[in-house]
Amino acid sequence: MATATLTLPKETVEKLGSMAAQTGVTVSDLADKAIQQYLRREAEKKIAREEEAYCAQHDQLLKKYRGQYIAMHKGQVVDCDMDELALYLRIRRQYPQTGILIKHVTAKPDNVWHIRSLHLRHSAVNPITPKFALYSPN
């Protein structure tokens, strides 16, 4: 654990205290949970933006990376490999706390499945073959 000092509006602090008392958790635990949920939602939004960039650039990506796995960050390919696991491991080292889209470049854009912990969420990009969007929930 690390310690951080946050300046929050009085009303927010009161609401946190009230909710913590109602649920039987500490204010710190409740704030941590809220922050983690926010970070997770932001990571999911980032992956959705990367999916949109992938679809928009699909024709160009297909010419350059057909059959390869690519990693997209900020709408740009930051790495590629024929081996999905090797790419994933490199990306996790290079971008340990960042949502990065990993896609197999094929003739048609694929479905994207979001996997985080025990939750599964599907985005219908194309109803052909499911693929996975890998990202760090933190």
Foldseek 3Di string as FASTA:
>chain_A
DDDDDDDDPPVVVVVLVVVCVVVVHDSVVVVVVVVLVVLLVVQVVQLVVLLVLCVVCLVVCCVPQAQWKFKDDPSDTPDIGNDQVVVVVVCCVVPVQHFIFIDGRHPDDAKEWEDDDPDIDTDPPDDDDYDYRDHDSD
